[in-house]
Amino acid sequence: MTEEELAATFEPLIRTELDDLKSLREGAKGDRKPVELDQQSVGRVSRIDSLQVQAMSNAAEARRQKRVRALQAALQRIEDGEFGYCTECAEPIAEGRLRTDPAATRCISCAR
């Protein structure tokens, strides 16, 4: 594939994934808010459950943010004309690898 074909194929996929991640972030916003200590309305076990949900949501948000940064970097590589090339050896990254992860920065040989 040419650079233009790669950009035309993968830019919409990247932007769609970014939109999906933004929607997930908004949907989980309530799970990340601080858990209030009110022993009258919420029992200790329920509070522990709420803290656990909050911790899992915060961890998921951290993973989402890492993915967002990787996808934004992929968009920047498209703009710079560097998308689809390994950052280590400068060889083309296989199309199948990019379809699996459009944010991939290394070819399969260098990733090993």
C-alpha atoms as a PDB file:
ATOM      1  CA  MET A   1       0.000   0.000   0.000  1.00  0.00           C
ATOM      2  CA  THR A   2       1.142   3.537  -0.668  1.00  0.00           C
ATOM      3  CA  GLU A   3       1.360   6.148   2.109  1.00  0.00           C
ATOM      4  CA  GLU A   4      -1.844   7.747   0.861  1.00  0.00           C
ATOM      5  CA  GLU A   5      -3.679   4.423   0.838  1.00  0.00           C
ATOM      6  CA  LEU A   6      -2.436   3.643   4.351  1.00  0.00           C
ATOM      7  CA  ALA A   7      -3.612   7.031   5.575  1.00  0.00           C
ATOM      8  CA  ALA A   8      -6.990   6.698   3.845  1.00  0.00           C
ATOM      9  CA  THR A   9      -7.482   3.207   5.276  1.00  0.00           C
ATOM     10  CA  PHE A  10      -6.278   3.661   8.834  1.00  0.00           C
ATOM     11  CA  GLU A  11      -7.062   7.269   9.750  1.00  0.00           C
ATOM     12  CA  PRO A  12     -10.837   6.625   9.918  1.00  0.00           C
ATOM     13  CA  LEU A  13     -10.229   3.473  11.996  1.00  0.00           C
ATOM     14  CA  ILE A  14      -8.035   5.401  14.417  1.00  0.00           C
ATOM     15  CA  ARG A  15     -10.520   8.264  14.715  1.00  0.00           C
ATOM     16  CA  THR A  16     -13.386   5.812  15.339  1.00  0.00           C
ATOM     17  CA  GLU A  17     -11.431   4.100  18.114  1.00  0.00           C
ATOM     18  CA  LEU A  18     -10.621   7.493  19.661  1.00  0.00           C
ATOM     19  CA  ASP A  19     -14.332   8.385  19.616  1.00  0.00           C
ATOM     20  CA  ASP A  20     -15.180   5.034  21.220  1.00  0.00           C
ATOM     21  CA  LEU A  21     -12.609   5.607  23.959  1.00  0.00           C
ATOM     22  CA  LYS A  22     -14.027   9.080  24.609  1.00  0.00           C
ATOM     23  CA  SER A  23     -17.535   7.596  24.950  1.00  0.00           C
ATOM     24  CA  LEU A  24     -16.261   4.943  27.360  1.00  0.00           C
ATOM     25  CA  ARG A  25     -14.534   7.622  29.412  1.00  0.00           C
ATOM     26  CA  GLU A  26     -17.698   9.681  29.685  1.00  0.00           C
ATOM     27  CA  GLY A  27     -19.773   6.624  30.559  1.00  0.00           C
ATOM     28  CA  ALA A  28     -17.482   5.607  33.414  1.00  0.00           C
ATOM     29  CA  LYS A  29     -17.071   9.086  34.875  1.00  0.00           C
ATOM     30  CA  GLY A  30     -19.438   8.333  37.755  1.00  0.00           C
ATOM     31  CA  ASP A  31     -17.474   5.251  38.797  1.00  0.00           C
ATOM     32  CA  ARG A  32     -14.305   7.318  39.254  1.00  0.00           C
ATOM     33  CA  LYS A  33     -15.751   9.975  41.562  1.00  0.00           C
ATOM     34  CA  PRO A  34     -14.687   9.893  45.225  1.00  0.00           C
ATOM     35  CA  VAL A  35     -16.551   7.480  47.482  1.00  0.00           C
ATOM     36  CA  GLU A  36     -18.131   9.324  50.376  1.00  0.00           C
ATOM     37  CA  LEU A  37     -17.848   8.013  53.896  1.00  0.00           C
ATOM     38  CA  ASP A  38     -21.400   7.911  55.210  1.00  0.00           C
ATOM     39  CA  GLN A  39     -21.895   4.973  57.542  1.00  0.00           C
ATOM     40  CA  GLN A  40     -25.578   5.853  57.975  1.00  0.00           C
ATOM     41  CA  SER A  41     -26.600   5.384  54.344  1.00  0.00           C
ATOM     42  CA  VAL A  42     -23.977   2.929  53.110  1.00  0.00           C
ATOM     43  CA  GLY A  43     -22.694  -0.056  55.010  1.00  0.00           C
ATOM     44  CA  ARG A  44     -19.019  -0.938  55.295  1.00  0.00           C
ATOM     45  CA  VAL A  45     -19.241  -3.789  52.761  1.00  0.00           C
ATOM     46  CA  SER A  46     -21.061  -1.570  50.266  1.00  0.00           C
ATOM     47  CA  ARG A  47     -18.389   1.112  50.712  1.00  0.00           C
ATOM     48  CA  ILE A  48     -15.632  -1.435  50.114  1.00  0.00           C
ATOM     49  CA  ASP A  49     -17.448  -2.543  46.953  1.00  0.00           C
ATOM     50  CA  SER A  50     -17.696   1.091  45.847  1.00  0.00           C
ATOM     51  CA  LEU A  51     -13.971   1.620  46.485  1.00  0.00           C
ATOM     52  CA  GLN A  52     -13.167  -1.484  44.473  1.00  0.00           C
ATOM     53  CA  VAL A  53     -15.336  -0.292  41.561  1.00  0.00           C
ATOM     54  CA  GLN A  54     -13.606   3.090  41.767  1.00  0.00           C
ATOM     55  CA  ALA A  55     -10.133   1.500  41.713  1.00  0.00           C
ATOM     56  CA  MET A  56     -11.017  -0.699  38.726  1.00  0.00           C
ATOM     57  CA  SER A  57     -12.494   2.289  36.902  1.00  0.00           C
ATOM     58  CA  ASN A  58      -9.382   4.365  37.573  1.00  0.00           C
ATOM     59  CA  ALA A  59      -7.173   1.565  36.259  1.00  0.00           C
ATOM     60  CA  ALA A  60      -9.336   1.229  33.141  1.00  0.00           C
ATOM     61  CA  GLU A  61      -9.125   4.999  32.621  1.00  0.00           C
ATOM     62  CA  ALA A  62      -5.335   4.861  32.839  1.00  0.00           C
ATOM     63  CA  ARG A  63      -5.293   2.131  30.159  1.00  0.00           C
ATOM     64  CA  ARG A  64      -7.685   4.177  27.995  1.00  0.00           C
ATOM     65  CA  GLN A  65      -5.482   7.256  28.298  1.00  0.00           C
ATOM     66  CA  LYS A  66      -2.412   5.254  27.306  1.00  0.00           C
ATOM     67  CA  ARG A  67      -4.271   3.976  24.245  1.00  0.00           C
ATOM     68  CA  VAL A  68      -5.483   7.488  23.376  1.00  0.00           C
ATOM     69  CA  ARG A  69      -1.878   8.746  23.436  1.00  0.00           C
ATOM     70  CA  ALA A  70      -0.769   5.873  21.192  1.00  0.00           C
ATOM     71  CA  LEU A  71      -3.588   6.555  18.710  1.00  0.00           C
ATOM     72  CA  GLN A  72      -2.891  10.282  18.703  1.00  0.00           C
ATOM     73  CA  ALA A  73       0.759   9.508  17.983  1.00  0.00           C
ATOM     74  CA  ALA A  74      -0.383   7.311  15.070  1.00  0.00           C
ATOM     75  CA  LEU A  75      -2.405  10.235  13.681  1.00  0.00           C
ATOM     76  CA  GLN A  76       0.675  12.428  13.992  1.00  0.00           C
ATOM     77  CA  ARG A  77       2.712   9.836  12.078  1.00  0.00           C
ATOM     78  CA  ILE A  78       0.047   9.913   9.341  1.00  0.00           C
ATOM     79  CA  GLU A  79       0.381  13.712   9.145  1.00  0.00           C
ATOM     80  CA  ASP A  80       4.170  13.449   9.070  1.00  0.00           C
ATOM     81  CA  GLY A  81       4.119  10.767   6.370  1.00  0.00           C
ATOM     82  CA  GLU A  82       5.768   8.245   8.685  1.00  0.00           C
ATOM     83  CA  PHE A  83       2.781   5.988   9.364  1.00  0.00           C
ATOM     84  CA  GLY A  84       3.284   2.324   8.580  1.00  0.00           C
ATOM     85  CA  TYR A  85       7.057   2.363   8.981  1.00  0.00           C
ATOM     86  CA  CYS A  86       8.947   0.768  11.850  1.00  0.00           C
ATOM     87  CA  THR A  87      10.459   3.318  14.237  1.00  0.00           C
ATOM     88  CA  GLU A  88      13.494   1.081  14.770  1.00  0.00           C
ATOM     89  CA  CYS A  89      14.456  -0.294  11.355  1.00  0.00           C
ATOM     90  CA  ALA A  90      12.385   2.018   9.081  1.00  0.00           C
ATOM     91  CA  GLU A  91      10.987  -0.984   7.184  1.00  0.00           C
ATOM     92  CA  PRO A  92       7.257  -1.101   6.374  1.00  0.00           C
ATOM     93  CA  ILE A  93       5.022  -2.582   9.059  1.00  0.00           C
ATOM     94  CA  ALA A  94       2.871  -5.411   7.680  1.00  0.00           C
ATOM     95  CA  GLU A  95      -0.678  -4.379   6.841  1.00  0.00           C
ATOM     96  CA  GLY A  96      -2.063  -7.232   8.940  1.00  0.00           C
ATOM     97  CA  ARG A  97      -0.179  -5.955  11.978  1.00  0.00           C
ATOM     98  CA  LEU A  98      -1.554  -2.460  11.414  1.00  0.00           C
ATOM     99  CA  ARG A  99      -5.083  -3.855  11.056  1.00  0.00           C
ATOM    100  CA  THR A 100      -4.635  -5.578  14.410  1.00  0.00           C
ATOM    101  CA  ASP A 101      -3.178  -2.438  16.013  1.00  0.00           C
ATOM    102  CA  PRO A 102      -3.105   0.758  13.952  1.00  0.00           C
ATOM    103  CA  ALA A 103      -0.976   2.356  16.679  1.00  0.00           C
ATOM    104  CA  ALA A 104       1.839  -0.170  16.178  1.00  0.00           C
ATOM    105  CA  THR A 105       5.204   1.546  15.908  1.00  0.00           C
ATOM    106  CA  ARG A 106       7.427  -1.437  15.193  1.00  0.00           C
ATOM    107  CA  CYS A 107       7.460  -4.246  12.676  1.00  0.00           C
ATOM    108  CA  ILE A 108       7.026  -7.764  13.993  1.00  0.00           C
ATOM    109  CA  SER A 109      10.778  -8.476  13.810  1.00  0.00           C
ATOM    110  CA  CYS A 110      11.703  -5.449  15.920  1.00  0.00           C
ATOM    111  CA  ALA A 111       8.800  -5.995  18.309  1.00  0.00           C
ATOM    112  CA  ARG A 112      10.191  -9.396  19.263  1.00  0.00           C
END
